[in-house]
Amino acid sequence: MGGSRERPEELGRKTESNFMATDLTSLLEGGVIIPSFDAKSRKQAIHALAEALAEATGLSLREIEDAVMERERLGSTGVGEGVAIPHARLDGIEAPIGGYLRLVHGVDFEAIDDRPCDLVFMLLAPKSSGADHLRALAQVSRTFRQSAIRDALREAKTEDEVKAIVCRESAEQSA
């Protein structure tokens, strides 16, 4: 996940195509942001996000957790550079939705670079939406591939600060 070396203040000066490629507003509108959480394991991190997304979506915690853990058993969702993108497809939701969690201390997601993960983005998508699920995964991956975004997220202390970094579309509309 090499990524670009832009400073956080330069992130807002992207071209339209890059801007859209790294904006997570559509995934986080009905989703959740947990700016800081202290988990001791991958399972605790997934549980925290699954619980918050269950509350936000009306889906059952067990259904979300089971689907995400089943996907984790197929292969790690730790993509490197301290980032994990656990994901699953489920019945009962209309469109892809996301949840973001920054861990106080990274945990083992069996990432491809063996680095503990402290930035976790859980993606849930409708079971019937293969293409939308893949597009959303690519969008999240492109966002977290940028070192300036990862660095800024590690410094963000509040939900609003996280939104300013990854939900610029939403921030511009409210300005």
N, C-alpha and C. Protein backbone atom coordinates (compact mmCIF):
# COMPACT_ATOMS: atom_id res chain seq x y z
N MET A 1 0.83 -1.19 0.00
CA MET A 1 0.00 0.00 0.00
C MET A 1 0.87 1.25 0.00
N GLY A 2 1.81 1.36 -0.84
CA GLY A 2 2.75 2.47 -0.89
C GLY A 2 2.09 3.82 -0.70
N GLY A 3 1.27 4.25 -1.66
CA GLY A 3 0.50 5.48 -1.51
C GLY A 3 1.30 6.72 -1.78
N SER A 4 0.57 7.82 -1.89
CA SER A 4 1.19 9.11 -2.16
C SER A 4 1.70 9.72 -0.88
N ARG A 5 2.49 10.74 -1.01
CA ARG A 5 3.11 11.38 0.14
C ARG A 5 2.58 12.79 0.34
N GLU A 6 1.30 13.02 0.12
CA GLU A 6 0.74 14.35 0.27
C GLU A 6 0.52 14.69 1.74
N ARG A 7 0.62 15.97 2.03
CA ARG A 7 0.32 16.42 3.38
C ARG A 7 -1.20 16.50 3.52
N PRO A 8 -1.75 16.31 4.75
CA PRO A 8 -3.20 16.33 4.93
C PRO A 8 -3.86 17.59 4.38
N GLU A 9 -3.22 18.75 4.51
CA GLU A 9 -3.85 19.98 4.01
C GLU A 9 -3.94 20.01 2.49
N GLU A 10 -3.17 19.16 1.81
CA GLU A 10 -3.22 19.11 0.36
C GLU A 10 -4.32 18.18 -0.14
N LEU A 11 -4.90 17.40 0.74
CA LEU A 11 -5.90 16.42 0.31
C LEU A 11 -7.11 17.09 -0.31
N GLY A 12 -7.47 18.27 0.14
CA GLY A 12 -8.63 18.97 -0.40
C GLY A 12 -8.40 19.53 -1.79
N ARG A 13 -7.16 19.56 -2.27
CA ARG A 13 -6.85 20.14 -3.57
C ARG A 13 -6.70 19.08 -4.64
N LYS A 14 -7.49 18.07 -4.59
CA LYS A 14 -7.41 16.98 -5.55
C LYS A 14 -8.21 17.32 -6.81
N THR A 15 -7.91 16.62 -7.88
CA THR A 15 -8.73 16.74 -9.05
C THR A 15 -10.07 16.09 -8.75
N GLU A 16 -11.08 16.38 -9.55
CA GLU A 16 -12.41 15.82 -9.32
C GLU A 16 -12.39 14.30 -9.31
N SER A 17 -11.66 13.67 -10.26
CA SER A 17 -11.67 12.21 -10.32
C SER A 17 -10.98 11.60 -9.09
N ASN A 18 -9.87 12.17 -8.65
CA ASN A 18 -9.21 11.65 -7.45
C ASN A 18 -10.06 11.91 -6.22
N PHE A 19 -10.70 13.07 -6.19
CA PHE A 19 -11.55 13.44 -5.06
C PHE A 19 -12.65 12.39 -4.88
N MET A 20 -13.33 12.05 -5.94
CA MET A 20 -14.42 11.09 -5.85
C MET A 20 -13.88 9.71 -5.49
N ALA A 21 -12.70 9.38 -5.96
CA ALA A 21 -12.15 8.05 -5.73
C ALA A 21 -11.82 7.82 -4.27
N THR A 22 -11.57 8.88 -3.51
CA THR A 22 -11.15 8.70 -2.13
C THR A 22 -12.14 9.29 -1.14
N ASP A 23 -13.33 9.61 -1.58
CA ASP A 23 -14.33 10.15 -0.67
C ASP A 23 -15.25 9.02 -0.21
N LEU A 24 -15.40 8.87 1.10
CA LEU A 24 -16.20 7.76 1.64
C LEU A 24 -17.56 8.21 2.17
N THR A 25 -18.00 9.41 1.78
CA THR A 25 -19.27 9.94 2.26
C THR A 25 -20.41 8.95 2.02
N SER A 26 -20.50 8.41 0.81
CA SER A 26 -21.63 7.54 0.50
C SER A 26 -21.66 6.28 1.37
N LEU A 27 -20.49 5.83 1.80
CA LEU A 27 -20.43 4.63 2.64
C LEU A 27 -20.64 4.93 4.12
N LEU A 28 -20.34 6.15 4.53
CA LEU A 28 -20.43 6.48 5.96
C LEU A 28 -21.68 7.29 6.31
N GLU A 29 -22.49 7.69 5.32
CA GLU A 29 -23.69 8.48 5.61
C GLU A 29 -24.59 7.82 6.64
N GLY A 30 -24.91 6.57 6.45
CA GLY A 30 -25.73 5.86 7.43
C GLY A 30 -24.90 4.95 8.31
N GLY A 31 -23.60 5.03 8.16
CA GLY A 31 -22.69 4.16 8.88
C GLY A 31 -22.21 4.76 10.19
N VAL A 32 -21.05 4.32 10.64
CA VAL A 32 -20.55 4.74 11.95
C VAL A 32 -19.07 5.10 11.88
N ILE A 33 -18.69 6.01 12.78
CA ILE A 33 -17.29 6.39 12.94
C ILE A 33 -16.97 6.30 14.42
N ILE A 34 -15.99 5.52 14.76
CA ILE A 34 -15.50 5.40 16.14
C ILE A 34 -14.05 5.90 16.11
N PRO A 35 -13.83 7.15 16.52
CA PRO A 35 -12.50 7.75 16.34
C PRO A 35 -11.39 7.13 17.19
N SER A 36 -11.76 6.44 18.27
CA SER A 36 -10.74 5.84 19.13
C SER A 36 -11.37 4.72 19.95
N PHE A 37 -10.73 3.55 19.89
CA PHE A 37 -11.25 2.39 20.62
C PHE A 37 -10.07 1.53 21.04
N ASP A 38 -10.14 0.98 22.23
CA ASP A 38 -9.06 0.15 22.73
C ASP A 38 -9.49 -1.31 22.69
N ALA A 39 -9.06 -2.03 21.67
CA ALA A 39 -9.35 -3.45 21.53
C ALA A 39 -8.06 -4.23 21.74
N LYS A 40 -8.20 -5.42 22.26
CA LYS A 40 -7.03 -6.28 22.49
C LYS A 40 -6.85 -7.31 21.38
N SER A 41 -7.85 -7.44 20.50
CA SER A 41 -7.78 -8.48 19.46
C SER A 41 -8.60 -8.06 18.24
N ARG A 42 -8.37 -8.79 17.16
CA ARG A 42 -9.14 -8.58 15.93
C ARG A 42 -10.62 -8.83 16.22
N LYS A 43 -10.91 -9.87 16.98
CA LYS A 43 -12.31 -10.21 17.28
C LYS A 43 -13.00 -9.08 18.04
N GLN A 44 -12.30 -8.45 19.00
CA GLN A 44 -12.89 -7.32 19.74
C GLN A 44 -13.13 -6.12 18.82
N ALA A 45 -12.20 -5.85 17.92
CA ALA A 45 -12.37 -4.73 16.98
C ALA A 45 -13.56 -4.99 16.07
N ILE A 46 -13.66 -6.20 15.53
CA ILE A 46 -14.78 -6.55 14.66
C ILE A 46 -16.09 -6.48 15.43
N HIS A 47 -16.09 -6.96 16.67
CA HIS A 47 -17.30 -6.91 17.50
C HIS A 47 -17.76 -5.46 17.71
N ALA A 48 -16.83 -4.56 18.01
CA ALA A 48 -17.20 -3.16 18.25
C ALA A 48 -17.84 -2.54 17.02
N LEU A 49 -17.24 -2.77 15.85
CA LEU A 49 -17.82 -2.22 14.62
C LEU A 49 -19.13 -2.91 14.26
N ALA A 50 -19.20 -4.22 14.43
CA ALA A 50 -20.43 -4.95 14.12
C ALA A 50 -21.57 -4.47 15.02
N GLU A 51 -21.27 -4.25 16.29
CA GLU A 51 -22.29 -3.77 17.23
C GLU A 51 -22.80 -2.39 16.82
N ALA A 52 -21.90 -1.49 16.47
CA ALA A 52 -22.30 -0.14 16.07
C ALA A 52 -23.07 -0.18 14.75
N LEU A 53 -22.64 -1.01 13.82
CA LEU A 53 -23.35 -1.09 12.54
C LEU A 53 -24.70 -1.79 12.70
N ALA A 54 -24.82 -2.73 13.63
CA ALA A 54 -26.11 -3.37 13.89
C ALA A 54 -27.11 -2.32 14.37
N GLU A 55 -26.65 -1.46 15.27
CA GLU A 55 -27.51 -0.39 15.77
C GLU A 55 -27.89 0.57 14.65
N ALA A 56 -26.95 0.90 13.78
CA ALA A 56 -27.20 1.86 12.70
C ALA A 56 -28.10 1.29 11.61
N THR A 57 -28.01 -0.01 11.36
CA THR A 57 -28.74 -0.60 10.23
C THR A 57 -29.99 -1.36 10.63
N GLY A 58 -30.08 -1.75 11.89
CA GLY A 58 -31.20 -2.59 12.30
C GLY A 58 -30.95 -4.07 12.06
N LEU A 59 -29.80 -4.42 11.50
CA LEU A 59 -29.46 -5.83 11.33
C LEU A 59 -29.04 -6.40 12.69
N SER A 60 -29.05 -7.71 12.80
CA SER A 60 -28.64 -8.30 14.08
C SER A 60 -27.13 -8.31 14.19
N LEU A 61 -26.66 -8.07 15.40
CA LEU A 61 -25.23 -8.11 15.69
C LEU A 61 -24.66 -9.46 15.28
N ARG A 62 -25.33 -10.51 15.65
CA ARG A 62 -24.84 -11.86 15.36
C ARG A 62 -24.71 -12.10 13.86
N GLU A 63 -25.69 -11.63 13.09
CA GLU A 63 -25.65 -11.82 11.64
C GLU A 63 -24.44 -11.10 11.02
N ILE A 64 -24.20 -9.87 11.45
CA ILE A 64 -23.05 -9.11 10.94
C ILE A 64 -21.75 -9.78 11.36
N GLU A 65 -21.64 -10.05 12.64
CA GLU A 65 -20.40 -10.65 13.17
C GLU A 65 -20.10 -11.99 12.51
N ASP A 66 -21.13 -12.83 12.38
CA ASP A 66 -20.93 -14.15 11.77
C ASP A 66 -20.47 -14.03 10.32
N ALA A 67 -21.09 -13.13 9.56
CA ALA A 67 -20.74 -12.97 8.14
C ALA A 67 -19.31 -12.43 7.99
N VAL A 68 -18.95 -11.45 8.82
CA VAL A 68 -17.61 -10.87 8.74
C VAL A 68 -16.56 -11.89 9.18
N MET A 69 -16.82 -12.62 10.26
CA MET A 69 -15.85 -13.61 10.73
C MET A 69 -15.72 -14.77 9.73
N GLU A 70 -16.81 -15.13 9.07
CA GLU A 70 -16.73 -16.17 8.03
C GLU A 70 -15.80 -15.70 6.91
N ARG A 71 -15.93 -14.44 6.52
CA ARG A 71 -15.05 -13.88 5.48
C ARG A 71 -13.60 -13.84 5.98
N GLU A 72 -13.38 -13.50 7.25
CA GLU A 72 -12.03 -13.47 7.82
C GLU A 72 -11.39 -14.86 7.77
N ARG A 73 -12.18 -15.90 7.96
CA ARG A 73 -11.64 -17.26 7.93
C ARG A 73 -11.15 -17.64 6.53
N LEU A 74 -11.73 -17.02 5.49
CA LEU A 74 -11.31 -17.31 4.12
C LEU A 74 -9.94 -16.72 3.82
N GLY A 75 -9.60 -15.64 4.50
CA GLY A 75 -8.32 -14.98 4.28
C GLY A 75 -8.33 -13.64 4.98
N SER A 76 -7.17 -13.22 5.39
CA SER A 76 -7.06 -11.98 6.14
C SER A 76 -7.54 -10.78 5.34
N THR A 77 -8.14 -9.84 6.05
CA THR A 77 -8.53 -8.57 5.43
C THR A 77 -7.57 -7.46 5.85
N GLY A 78 -6.46 -7.84 6.47
CA GLY A 78 -5.39 -6.89 6.79
C GLY A 78 -4.61 -6.62 5.51
N VAL A 79 -4.76 -5.41 4.96
CA VAL A 79 -4.21 -5.11 3.64
C VAL A 79 -2.83 -4.47 3.68
N GLY A 80 -2.31 -4.23 4.88
CA GLY A 80 -0.98 -3.64 5.01
C GLY A 80 -1.02 -2.20 5.46
N GLU A 81 0.15 -1.71 5.89
CA GLU A 81 0.30 -0.33 6.36
C GLU A 81 -0.60 -0.01 7.56
N GLY A 82 -0.97 -1.04 8.33
CA GLY A 82 -1.79 -0.82 9.52
C GLY A 82 -3.28 -0.73 9.23
N VAL A 83 -3.70 -1.17 8.04
CA VAL A 83 -5.11 -1.05 7.62
C VAL A 83 -5.73 -2.43 7.47
N ALA A 84 -6.96 -2.55 7.96
CA ALA A 84 -7.77 -3.76 7.75
C ALA A 84 -9.12 -3.33 7.20
N ILE A 85 -9.64 -4.13 6.26
CA ILE A 85 -10.95 -3.83 5.66
C ILE A 85 -11.82 -5.09 5.74
N PRO A 86 -12.28 -5.43 6.95
CA PRO A 86 -13.18 -6.58 7.07
C PRO A 86 -14.49 -6.27 6.33
N HIS A 87 -15.03 -7.26 5.66
CA HIS A 87 -16.23 -7.00 4.87
C HIS A 87 -17.07 -8.27 4.72
N ALA A 88 -18.34 -8.04 4.36
CA ALA A 88 -19.26 -9.16 4.16
C ALA A 88 -20.45 -8.68 3.34
N ARG A 89 -21.10 -9.64 2.70
CA ARG A 89 -22.35 -9.35 1.99
C ARG A 89 -23.49 -9.99 2.79
N LEU A 90 -24.56 -9.21 2.96
CA LEU A 90 -25.67 -9.63 3.82
C LEU A 90 -27.01 -9.30 3.18
N ASP A 91 -28.02 -10.08 3.53
CA ASP A 91 -29.40 -9.72 3.20
C ASP A 91 -29.84 -8.62 4.18
N GLY A 92 -30.78 -7.82 3.77
CA GLY A 92 -31.36 -6.85 4.70
C GLY A 92 -30.82 -5.44 4.60
N ILE A 93 -29.87 -5.20 3.71
CA ILE A 93 -29.43 -3.82 3.48
C ILE A 93 -29.58 -3.51 2.00
N GLU A 94 -29.82 -2.24 1.71
CA GLU A 94 -30.11 -1.80 0.34
C GLU A 94 -28.87 -1.41 -0.45
N ALA A 95 -27.86 -0.89 0.24
CA ALA A 95 -26.67 -0.37 -0.43
C ALA A 95 -25.47 -0.59 0.49
N PRO A 96 -24.27 -0.55 -0.07
CA PRO A 96 -23.09 -0.69 0.78
C PRO A 96 -23.06 0.37 1.87
N ILE A 97 -22.60 -0.03 3.04
CA ILE A 97 -22.50 0.87 4.20
C ILE A 97 -21.21 0.53 4.95
N GLY A 98 -20.64 1.55 5.58
CA GLY A 98 -19.36 1.31 6.23
C GLY A 98 -19.30 1.78 7.66
N GLY A 99 -18.30 1.28 8.34
CA GLY A 99 -18.00 1.70 9.69
C GLY A 99 -16.49 1.83 9.84
N TYR A 100 -16.05 2.93 10.44
CA TYR A 100 -14.63 3.18 10.63
C TYR A 100 -14.28 3.16 12.11
N LEU A 101 -13.13 2.58 12.42
CA LEU A 101 -12.66 2.47 13.79
C LEU A 101 -11.15 2.66 13.81
N ARG A 102 -10.68 3.58 14.67
CA ARG A 102 -9.23 3.70 14.88
C ARG A 102 -8.92 3.07 16.23
N LEU A 103 -8.01 2.14 16.21
CA LEU A 103 -7.62 1.46 17.44
C LEU A 103 -6.48 2.21 18.12
N VAL A 104 -6.56 2.30 19.44
CA VAL A 104 -5.51 2.95 20.23
C VAL A 104 -4.19 2.22 20.02
N HIS A 105 -4.25 0.89 19.99
CA HIS A 105 -3.07 0.05 19.74
C HIS A 105 -3.46 -0.94 18.65
N GLY A 106 -2.60 -1.08 17.66
CA GLY A 106 -2.88 -2.00 16.57
C GLY A 106 -3.03 -3.43 17.06
N VAL A 107 -3.84 -4.20 16.35
CA VAL A 107 -4.04 -5.62 16.67
C VAL A 107 -3.71 -6.46 15.43
N ASP A 108 -3.48 -7.73 15.66
CA ASP A 108 -3.10 -8.64 14.59
C ASP A 108 -4.30 -9.01 13.73
N PHE A 109 -4.28 -8.58 12.47
CA PHE A 109 -5.28 -8.98 11.48
C PHE A 109 -4.64 -9.92 10.45
N GLU A 110 -3.45 -10.47 10.79
CA GLU A 110 -2.71 -11.31 9.87
C GLU A 110 -2.51 -10.59 8.53
N ALA A 111 -2.11 -9.32 8.63
CA ALA A 111 -1.93 -8.48 7.44
C ALA A 111 -0.81 -9.00 6.56
N ILE A 112 -0.87 -8.64 5.30
CA ILE A 112 0.12 -9.12 4.34
C ILE A 112 1.53 -8.65 4.66
N ASP A 113 1.65 -7.53 5.41
CA ASP A 113 2.99 -7.05 5.80
C ASP A 113 3.31 -7.38 7.27
N ASP A 114 2.47 -8.20 7.90
CA ASP A 114 2.63 -8.61 9.30
C ASP A 114 2.55 -7.46 10.30
N ARG A 115 2.13 -6.30 9.86
CA ARG A 115 2.04 -5.13 10.73
C ARG A 115 0.70 -5.13 11.46
N PRO A 116 0.67 -4.79 12.75
CA PRO A 116 -0.61 -4.68 13.46
C PRO A 116 -1.48 -3.61 12.81
N CYS A 117 -2.78 -3.82 12.82
CA CYS A 117 -3.72 -2.88 12.18
C CYS A 117 -4.36 -1.98 13.22
N ASP A 118 -4.33 -0.68 12.97
CA ASP A 118 -4.97 0.28 13.85
C ASP A 118 -6.06 1.06 13.14
N LEU A 119 -6.13 0.99 11.83
CA LEU A 119 -7.19 1.64 11.06
C LEU A 119 -8.06 0.54 10.46
N VAL A 120 -9.32 0.49 10.88
CA VAL A 120 -10.20 -0.60 10.47
C VAL A 120 -11.45 0.00 9.84
N PHE A 121 -11.76 -0.44 8.63
CA PHE A 121 -12.97 0.00 7.94
C PHE A 121 -13.78 -1.24 7.61
N MET A 122 -14.95 -1.38 8.25
CA MET A 122 -15.81 -2.52 7.98
C MET A 122 -16.81 -2.12 6.90
N LEU A 123 -16.92 -2.96 5.89
CA LEU A 123 -17.83 -2.72 4.78
C LEU A 123 -18.87 -3.83 4.72
N LEU A 124 -20.13 -3.42 4.71
CA LEU A 124 -21.24 -4.35 4.54
C LEU A 124 -21.95 -3.99 3.24
N ALA A 125 -22.30 -5.01 2.46
CA ALA A 125 -22.97 -4.77 1.19
C ALA A 125 -24.11 -5.77 1.03
N PRO A 126 -25.10 -5.41 0.21
CA PRO A 126 -26.20 -6.35 -0.03
C PRO A 126 -25.68 -7.64 -0.67
N LYS A 127 -26.26 -8.74 -0.27
CA LYS A 127 -25.82 -10.04 -0.79
C LYS A 127 -25.95 -10.10 -2.31
N SER A 128 -26.92 -9.38 -2.85
CA SER A 128 -27.19 -9.43 -4.28
C SER A 128 -26.34 -8.48 -5.11
N SER A 129 -25.44 -7.72 -4.48
CA SER A 129 -24.72 -6.67 -5.21
C SER A 129 -23.23 -6.96 -5.35
N GLY A 130 -22.89 -7.93 -6.17
CA GLY A 130 -21.48 -8.26 -6.36
C GLY A 130 -20.66 -7.10 -6.87
N ALA A 131 -21.13 -6.41 -7.90
CA ALA A 131 -20.38 -5.32 -8.50
C ALA A 131 -20.29 -4.12 -7.55
N ASP A 132 -21.39 -3.78 -6.90
CA ASP A 132 -21.37 -2.64 -5.97
C ASP A 132 -20.42 -2.92 -4.80
N HIS A 133 -20.42 -4.15 -4.33
CA HIS A 133 -19.54 -4.55 -3.23
C HIS A 133 -18.07 -4.38 -3.64
N LEU A 134 -17.74 -4.84 -4.84
CA LEU A 134 -16.36 -4.72 -5.32
C LEU A 134 -15.96 -3.27 -5.54
N ARG A 135 -16.88 -2.46 -6.09
CA ARG A 135 -16.59 -1.03 -6.28
C ARG A 135 -16.35 -0.35 -4.94
N ALA A 136 -17.18 -0.66 -3.95
CA ALA A 136 -17.02 -0.06 -2.63
C ALA A 136 -15.70 -0.48 -1.99
N LEU A 137 -15.35 -1.76 -2.12
CA LEU A 137 -14.06 -2.23 -1.59
C LEU A 137 -12.90 -1.49 -2.26
N ALA A 138 -12.99 -1.31 -3.56
CA ALA A 138 -11.93 -0.60 -4.29
C ALA A 138 -11.84 0.86 -3.82
N GLN A 139 -12.99 1.47 -3.59
CA GLN A 139 -13.02 2.86 -3.12
C GLN A 139 -12.35 2.98 -1.75
N VAL A 140 -12.67 2.08 -0.84
CA VAL A 140 -12.06 2.10 0.49
C VAL A 140 -10.55 1.84 0.38
N SER A 141 -10.18 0.88 -0.44
CA SER A 141 -8.77 0.55 -0.62
C SER A 141 -7.99 1.74 -1.18
N ARG A 142 -8.53 2.41 -2.19
CA ARG A 142 -7.87 3.59 -2.76
C ARG A 142 -7.68 4.68 -1.71
N THR A 143 -8.68 4.85 -0.87
CA THR A 143 -8.60 5.88 0.17
C THR A 143 -7.48 5.56 1.15
N PHE A 144 -7.47 4.35 1.66
CA PHE A 144 -6.50 3.98 2.70
C PHE A 144 -5.11 3.70 2.14
N ARG A 145 -4.98 3.62 0.84
CA ARG A 145 -3.67 3.43 0.22
C ARG A 145 -2.84 4.71 0.33
N GLN A 146 -3.47 5.85 0.54
CA GLN A 146 -2.77 7.13 0.59
C GLN A 146 -2.19 7.38 1.99
N SER A 147 -0.89 7.50 2.03
CA SER A 147 -0.22 7.67 3.33
C SER A 147 -0.68 8.94 4.04
N ALA A 148 -0.95 10.02 3.32
CA ALA A 148 -1.39 11.26 3.96
C ALA A 148 -2.73 11.07 4.66
N ILE A 149 -3.61 10.30 4.06
CA ILE A 149 -4.91 10.02 4.69
C ILE A 149 -4.71 9.15 5.92
N ARG A 150 -3.90 8.12 5.81
CA ARG A 150 -3.65 7.26 6.98
C ARG A 150 -3.05 8.08 8.12
N ASP A 151 -2.07 8.91 7.81
CA ASP A 151 -1.42 9.73 8.84
C ASP A 151 -2.42 10.67 9.50
N ALA A 152 -3.27 11.31 8.69
CA ALA A 152 -4.26 12.24 9.23
C ALA A 152 -5.28 11.51 10.10
N LEU A 153 -5.70 10.32 9.68
CA LEU A 153 -6.66 9.54 10.47
C LEU A 153 -6.06 9.13 11.82
N ARG A 154 -4.78 8.85 11.83
CA ARG A 154 -4.14 8.47 13.09
C ARG A 154 -4.07 9.64 14.06
N GLU A 155 -4.13 10.84 13.55
CA GLU A 155 -4.11 12.04 14.40
C GLU A 155 -5.51 12.51 14.79
N ALA A 156 -6.52 12.11 14.03
CA ALA A 156 -7.90 12.58 14.25
C ALA A 156 -8.42 12.07 15.59
N LYS A 157 -9.01 12.96 16.37
CA LYS A 157 -9.51 12.61 17.71
C LYS A 157 -11.04 12.56 17.79
N THR A 158 -11.73 13.18 16.82
CA THR A 158 -13.19 13.25 16.89
C THR A 158 -13.81 12.74 15.59
N GLU A 159 -15.09 12.45 15.65
CA GLU A 159 -15.84 12.03 14.47
C GLU A 159 -15.78 13.11 13.39
N ASP A 160 -15.91 14.37 13.78
CA ASP A 160 -15.86 15.47 12.81
C ASP A 160 -14.50 15.54 12.12
N GLU A 161 -13.42 15.30 12.86
CA GLU A 161 -12.09 15.32 12.25
C GLU A 161 -11.94 14.17 11.26
N VAL A 162 -12.48 13.00 11.58
CA VAL A 162 -12.43 11.87 10.65
C VAL A 162 -13.23 12.21 9.40
N LYS A 163 -14.42 12.76 9.57
CA LYS A 163 -15.26 13.12 8.42
C LYS A 163 -14.56 14.14 7.53
N ALA A 164 -13.86 15.10 8.12
CA ALA A 164 -13.16 16.12 7.33
C ALA A 164 -12.09 15.48 6.44
N ILE A 165 -11.57 14.34 6.86
CA ILE A 165 -10.51 13.66 6.11
C ILE A 165 -11.08 12.75 5.03
N VAL A 166 -12.10 11.96 5.36
CA VAL A 166 -12.59 10.95 4.41
C VAL A 166 -13.97 11.21 3.84
N CYS A 167 -14.64 12.26 4.32
CA CYS A 167 -15.98 12.60 3.82
C CYS A 167 -15.99 14.05 3.31
N ARG A 168 -15.06 14.37 2.45
CA ARG A 168 -14.93 15.75 1.97
C ARG A 168 -16.16 16.19 1.19
N GLU A 169 -16.81 15.29 0.48
CA GLU A 169 -18.01 15.63 -0.27
C GLU A 169 -19.07 16.17 0.69
N SER A 170 -19.27 15.49 1.79
CA SER A 170 -20.23 15.91 2.80
C SER A 170 -19.81 17.22 3.44
N ALA A 171 -18.52 17.38 3.74
CA ALA A 171 -18.01 18.60 4.37
C ALA A 171 -18.20 19.81 3.46
N GLU A 172 -17.99 19.63 2.15
CA GLU A 172 -18.14 20.74 1.21
C GLU A 172 -19.59 21.15 1.09
N GLN A 173 -20.52 20.19 1.13
CA GLN A 173 -21.94 20.52 1.01
C GLN A 173 -22.44 21.27 2.23
N SER A 174 -21.89 21.00 3.40
CA SER A 174 -22.37 21.65 4.61
C SER A 174 -21.66 22.99 4.85
N ALA A 175 -20.61 23.28 4.08
CA ALA A 175 -19.88 24.54 4.25
C ALA A 175 -20.57 25.70 3.56
